[in-house]
Amino acid sequence: MTDRLRLVWPDPAAFEGRTDPIRLLAVSDEPDASLDSASTRDAIGAVEMVIGCGDLEPDYLAFVADAFGAPLHYVRGNHDAGVAWGRAQHELLPAPLRDGRVTEEAGVRLLGFSGSPHYSESGVQFTGGQMWWRVARAALAAKGSRPVLVVTHAAPRGANDAADPAHRGFAAFRWLAGVLGPPLWLHGHTALVRRGLDDRSTRLDGTLIYNCTGATVVELLPPGAPPDQ
């Protein structure tokens, strides 16, 4: 079942010339079988971008983006490596969000980081030091008057993560949330069964940290709209 999230997006520039919500579809880790149905997709309605938070097969990401006719922006999960991903870069998918670089789509500034904490010798993984280097560089580029929506595979340390080494969040991400104060941080990686099926989100000060495992329709409401969160 596809989840839904609505929150106020405090960036008037994103709503210039419009008053309706900016609608996104965030997917991660577990394919949502309901999206195979055209009637389900019709019920969801149009979205302005698809956001991938990792550990989904390239053909699934391509299918979802094509089915909704929306641009795809994604980060790679720790399992998103190997021959299939080499081919996907050229045949199925656009390039992933570049770590620490701001990209804009539908008036929303996106900041992405791929990978998980390092726990084995294969896959897209980073040590704490490697991620600190990426995050410190990104903080300078992303800081400004307009907010960012952060897209990662792993969660920030102590916020929607788990205790085991593979699923523990990055301390650098927690620091970045404090520096940038993004209204919304989307991630995957931590299975919902580890935290309880109804426990998708937590807050770090003003940032909503949201686990989008499966699929979630995200509606960003214009400033001044009544908040749902």
Protein backbone atom coordinates (compact mmCIF):
# COMPACT_ATOMS: atom_id res chain seq x y z
CA MET A 1 0.00 0.00 0.00
CA THR A 2 1.27 3.46 -0.92
CA ASP A 3 1.65 5.83 2.02
CA ARG A 4 0.96 9.55 1.98
CA LEU A 5 2.74 12.49 3.54
CA ARG A 6 1.72 16.15 3.50
CA LEU A 7 3.72 19.01 4.96
CA VAL A 8 4.19 22.73 4.47
CA TRP A 9 7.19 23.62 2.32
CA PRO A 10 8.51 27.00 3.54
CA ASP A 11 9.84 28.24 0.22
CA PRO A 12 7.65 30.83 -1.53
CA ALA A 13 9.90 30.66 -4.60
CA ALA A 14 8.86 27.04 -5.20
CA PHE A 15 5.21 28.13 -5.55
CA GLU A 16 5.68 31.14 -7.76
CA GLY A 17 2.70 31.25 -10.09
CA ARG A 18 0.88 28.39 -8.37
CA THR A 19 -1.10 27.58 -5.21
CA ASP A 20 -1.50 23.80 -5.55
CA PRO A 21 0.77 21.31 -3.74
CA ILE A 22 3.99 20.05 -5.30
CA ARG A 23 3.44 16.29 -5.57
CA LEU A 24 6.29 13.76 -5.41
CA LEU A 25 6.47 9.98 -5.29
CA ALA A 26 9.27 8.64 -3.07
CA VAL A 27 10.30 4.97 -3.37
CA SER A 28 12.94 2.88 -1.63
CA ASP A 29 14.13 -0.65 -0.81
CA GLU A 30 10.90 -2.63 -1.34
CA PRO A 31 8.89 -2.49 -4.59
CA ASP A 32 5.29 -1.44 -4.04
CA ALA A 33 3.27 -4.04 -5.93
CA SER A 34 0.21 -1.81 -5.99
CA LEU A 35 1.97 0.50 -8.45
CA ASP A 36 1.75 -2.27 -11.05
CA SER A 37 -1.97 -1.47 -11.32
CA ALA A 38 -2.99 1.28 -13.72
CA SER A 39 -6.05 1.97 -11.58
CA THR A 40 -3.85 2.54 -8.53
CA ARG A 41 -1.62 4.90 -10.47
CA ASP A 42 -4.68 6.77 -11.74
CA ALA A 43 -5.93 7.10 -8.15
CA ILE A 44 -2.57 8.53 -7.07
CA GLY A 45 -2.68 11.03 -9.89
CA ALA A 46 0.06 13.10 -11.45
CA VAL A 47 3.37 13.61 -9.69
CA GLU A 48 6.06 16.11 -10.63
CA MET A 49 9.01 13.89 -9.84
CA VAL A 50 9.91 10.42 -8.63
CA ILE A 51 12.54 10.26 -5.87
CA GLY A 52 14.46 7.03 -5.25
CA CYS A 53 16.22 6.43 -1.93
CA GLY A 54 18.11 3.32 -2.97
CA ASP A 55 18.14 -0.48 -3.09
CA LEU A 56 15.65 -0.81 -5.92
CA GLU A 57 16.40 -2.50 -9.24
CA PRO A 58 17.05 -0.20 -12.21
CA ASP A 59 14.18 -1.64 -14.22
CA TYR A 60 11.75 -0.93 -11.36
CA LEU A 61 12.91 2.68 -11.02
CA ALA A 62 12.59 3.11 -14.78
CA PHE A 63 9.12 1.56 -14.77
CA VAL A 64 7.83 3.86 -12.01
CA ALA A 65 9.23 6.99 -13.64
CA ASP A 66 7.83 6.00 -17.06
CA ALA A 67 4.45 4.98 -15.64
CA PHE A 68 3.98 8.40 -14.03
CA GLY A 69 5.67 10.31 -16.84
CA ALA A 70 7.81 12.14 -14.29
CA PRO A 71 11.53 12.94 -14.04
CA LEU A 72 13.51 10.61 -11.79
CA HIS A 73 16.02 11.73 -9.17
CA TYR A 74 17.61 9.05 -7.03
CA VAL A 75 20.51 8.03 -4.84
CA ARG A 76 22.10 4.59 -4.84
CA GLY A 77 21.72 2.19 -1.95
CA ASN A 78 24.44 -0.09 -0.65
CA HIS A 79 23.15 -2.93 -2.87
CA ASP A 80 22.95 -0.81 -6.03
CA ALA A 81 26.15 -2.07 -7.62
CA GLY A 82 27.33 -4.65 -10.12
CA VAL A 83 26.76 -5.45 -13.79
CA ALA A 84 23.07 -4.46 -13.86
CA TRP A 85 23.92 -1.04 -12.52
CA GLY A 86 26.68 -0.53 -15.06
CA ARG A 87 24.18 -1.14 -17.83
CA ALA A 88 21.50 0.95 -16.15
CA GLN A 89 23.67 4.03 -16.19
CA HIS A 90 23.62 3.95 -19.98
CA GLU A 91 20.33 2.31 -20.94
CA LEU A 92 17.63 2.71 -18.29
CA LEU A 93 18.29 5.55 -15.89
CA PRO A 94 19.67 9.06 -15.71
CA ALA A 95 22.73 9.55 -13.54
CA PRO A 96 22.03 9.51 -9.79
CA LEU A 97 22.07 12.66 -7.73
CA ARG A 98 25.69 13.66 -7.24
CA ASP A 99 26.73 13.45 -3.61
CA GLY A 100 26.57 16.88 -2.05
CA ARG A 101 25.44 18.73 -5.17
CA VAL A 102 22.16 20.67 -5.22
CA THR A 103 19.73 19.85 -8.04
CA GLU A 104 16.44 21.65 -8.64
CA GLU A 105 13.24 20.08 -9.97
CA ALA A 106 9.67 21.42 -9.84
CA GLY A 107 10.92 24.36 -7.80
CA VAL A 108 12.38 22.13 -5.06
CA ARG A 109 16.10 22.07 -4.26
CA LEU A 110 17.33 18.49 -3.78
CA LEU A 111 20.51 17.44 -1.97
CA GLY A 112 21.44 13.75 -2.21
CA PHE A 113 23.93 11.26 -0.78
CA SER A 114 24.24 7.64 -1.87
CA GLY A 115 25.41 4.64 0.14
CA SER A 116 25.37 3.17 3.62
CA PRO A 117 27.90 2.90 6.45
CA HIS A 118 30.81 0.62 5.60
CA TYR A 119 30.24 -2.92 6.87
CA SER A 120 31.60 -5.22 4.12
CA GLU A 121 33.87 -5.20 1.10
CA SER A 122 31.19 -4.85 -1.59
CA GLY A 123 28.46 -2.41 -2.54
CA VAL A 124 28.08 1.35 -2.22
CA GLN A 125 29.41 1.99 1.28
CA PHE A 126 31.39 4.72 3.01
CA THR A 127 33.32 5.04 6.22
CA GLY A 128 32.32 7.76 8.64
CA GLY A 129 35.33 9.82 7.58
CA GLN A 130 34.48 9.55 3.89
CA MET A 131 30.93 10.73 4.51
CA TRP A 132 32.07 13.59 6.74
CA TRP A 133 34.20 14.85 3.83
CA ARG A 134 31.23 14.75 1.45
CA VAL A 135 28.86 16.37 3.93
CA ALA A 136 31.21 19.18 4.95
CA ARG A 137 31.70 20.12 1.32
CA ALA A 138 27.95 19.99 0.69
CA ALA A 139 27.10 22.20 3.66
CA LEU A 140 28.90 25.11 2.03
CA ALA A 141 27.21 24.59 -1.34
CA ALA A 142 23.67 24.03 -0.03
CA LYS A 143 23.43 26.68 2.66
CA GLY A 144 21.38 29.65 1.55
CA SER A 145 18.07 31.41 1.81
CA ARG A 146 16.06 28.59 0.21
CA PRO A 147 15.52 25.23 1.94
CA VAL A 148 16.63 21.86 0.59
CA LEU A 149 14.94 18.48 0.55
CA VAL A 150 17.62 15.94 1.52
CA VAL A 151 17.55 12.51 -0.13
CA THR A 152 19.77 9.74 1.27
CA HIS A 153 19.83 5.97 1.50
CA ALA A 154 20.95 5.75 5.13
CA ALA A 155 19.39 7.75 7.93
CA PRO A 156 21.05 10.30 10.21
CA ARG A 157 22.61 8.85 13.37
CA GLY A 158 20.00 8.28 16.06
CA ALA A 159 17.04 9.19 13.84
CA ASN A 160 15.19 6.28 12.18
CA ASP A 161 18.34 4.16 12.12
CA ALA A 162 19.06 0.81 13.80
CA ALA A 163 21.72 -0.37 16.25
CA ASP A 164 23.59 -2.83 14.00
CA PRO A 165 26.66 -1.52 12.13
CA ALA A 166 25.15 -1.89 8.66
CA HIS A 167 22.02 0.12 9.49
CA ARG A 168 23.35 2.64 11.96
CA GLY A 169 22.98 6.17 10.61
CA PHE A 170 25.75 8.58 9.71
CA ALA A 171 26.79 11.06 12.39
CA ALA A 172 27.66 13.45 9.56
CA PHE A 173 24.03 13.43 8.43
CA ARG A 174 22.83 14.40 11.89
CA TRP A 175 25.27 17.33 11.88
CA LEU A 176 24.09 18.36 8.41
CA ALA A 177 20.47 18.38 9.56
CA GLY A 178 21.45 20.78 12.32
CA VAL A 179 23.40 23.06 9.97
CA LEU A 180 20.90 23.24 7.11
CA GLY A 181 17.61 22.60 8.94
CA PRO A 182 15.93 20.98 5.92
CA PRO A 183 12.15 20.74 6.33
CA LEU A 184 12.16 17.14 5.02
CA TRP A 185 14.77 14.36 4.89
CA LEU A 186 13.83 11.25 2.90
CA HIS A 187 15.73 7.99 3.37
CA GLY A 188 15.39 4.21 3.17
CA HIS A 189 17.79 1.42 4.18
CA THR A 190 16.30 0.67 7.63
CA ALA A 191 13.55 -1.94 7.25
CA LEU A 192 10.28 -0.81 8.77
CA VAL A 193 9.95 -4.08 10.69
CA ARG A 194 13.00 -3.03 12.69
CA ARG A 195 11.13 0.00 14.02
CA GLY A 196 7.45 -0.96 13.84
CA LEU A 197 5.21 -0.65 10.81
CA ASP A 198 3.67 2.63 11.99
CA ASP A 199 6.97 4.25 12.90
CA ARG A 200 8.20 5.83 9.67
CA SER A 201 9.25 9.21 10.96
CA THR A 202 10.94 11.19 13.68
CA ARG A 203 12.10 14.77 14.07
CA LEU A 204 15.44 16.43 14.55
CA ASP A 205 14.46 19.92 15.64
CA GLY A 206 12.58 21.30 12.63
CA THR A 207 13.49 18.47 10.23
CA LEU A 208 11.07 15.63 9.57
CA ILE A 209 13.14 12.45 9.01
CA TYR A 210 10.97 10.09 6.96
CA ASN A 211 11.61 6.47 5.97
CA CYS A 212 10.06 6.06 2.51
CA THR A 213 10.62 2.29 2.22
CA GLY A 214 8.02 1.06 -0.25
CA ALA A 215 6.30 4.06 -1.81
CA THR A 216 5.00 7.34 -0.43
CA VAL A 217 3.13 10.15 -2.15
CA VAL A 218 4.56 13.39 -0.76
CA GLU A 219 2.60 16.62 -1.07
CA LEU A 220 4.50 19.81 -0.32
CA LEU A 221 2.02 22.51 0.64
CA PRO A 222 2.59 26.23 0.04
CA PRO A 223 3.60 28.47 2.94
CA GLY A 224 0.63 29.38 5.10
CA ALA A 225 -1.30 26.18 4.40
CA PRO A 226 -2.56 24.24 7.45
CA PRO A 227 0.15 21.64 8.26
CA ASP A 228 -0.68 17.94 8.41
CA GLN A 229 2.48 17.03 10.33
